[in-house]
Amino acid sequence: MLLESLSELLHSNFPHVALPAPELAALSKLVGTARLPRGRSLFLQGQAAPAFYAVLSGEIEARFCGLGGEVSVLEHVQPPRLFGLAAFASGQPSSYEAVARQTTQLLVFGPAAYELLMDRVPGFARALLAEFAQRYDGTLRLLEASRHRSAAERFQLALAQLTRERGLGMLDAEGGVSVKASQAELAALANLSRQTVNQLLAQAVARGELRCGYRSLWVKPRAY
């Protein structure tokens, strides 16, 4: 079961990296598992990161906490997404905290697992660098949007990021891409109120750019 989950997880995050069977078997012996109940913190903002993680089931909220207690949501991490990579790889304290929004099952990649992936899996290091670059670029775009762009532009940038990260490759009859995301998540990522996001969603639906479902969107292909 772990071998299958691990193989599917790595393929989902790094589809162009082939993991040979011997390395996959060795990796499965090095990767741990963890279970978090709802509301439990995996790590806190400012803590060192002894590992990086992947969500097998459930959901993790990555969020910044200000000195005054205010909270800004960075991302809702759902299967099969990896997280905690930057703090672990850099050896720096985490810039955000990770909290389970529901009972969540995780895979835990410690130093030995990371070393195997970097040293024994061809192409993994390049794929990881590309992932870092994409996430960094997405973060910069959202930061710029929050300071300089209109609500509509911030909405489109957040929608584009969710489509890149969570597009399931499933197309409807009109060619729309299935994106697993709620309106609340879209609002948090765009730094907009839910009322504003609801209005912008209604406008996008009227233009034929997307359809809304329960905790999901069908997004018409764009230059995302």
Foldseek 3Di string as FASTA:
>chain_A
DLLVLVVVLCCVLQVVFDDDPVLSVVLSVQKDKDKDAAFDWPDAAQAQDQWKKFWPAAWKWWWAADPVGDIATAAIHGPGDIDPVPRHVVRGGHRTIIGTNHITMMITGGPVSVCSQVPPTPPSVVSVVVVVVVVVVLVVVLVCCVPPNDLLVLLVSLVVVQCVVAFPPDQDPQGFTKGQADLVRSCSNSVHDSVSSVVSVVVCVVVVQWDDDDSMIGGHDDPD
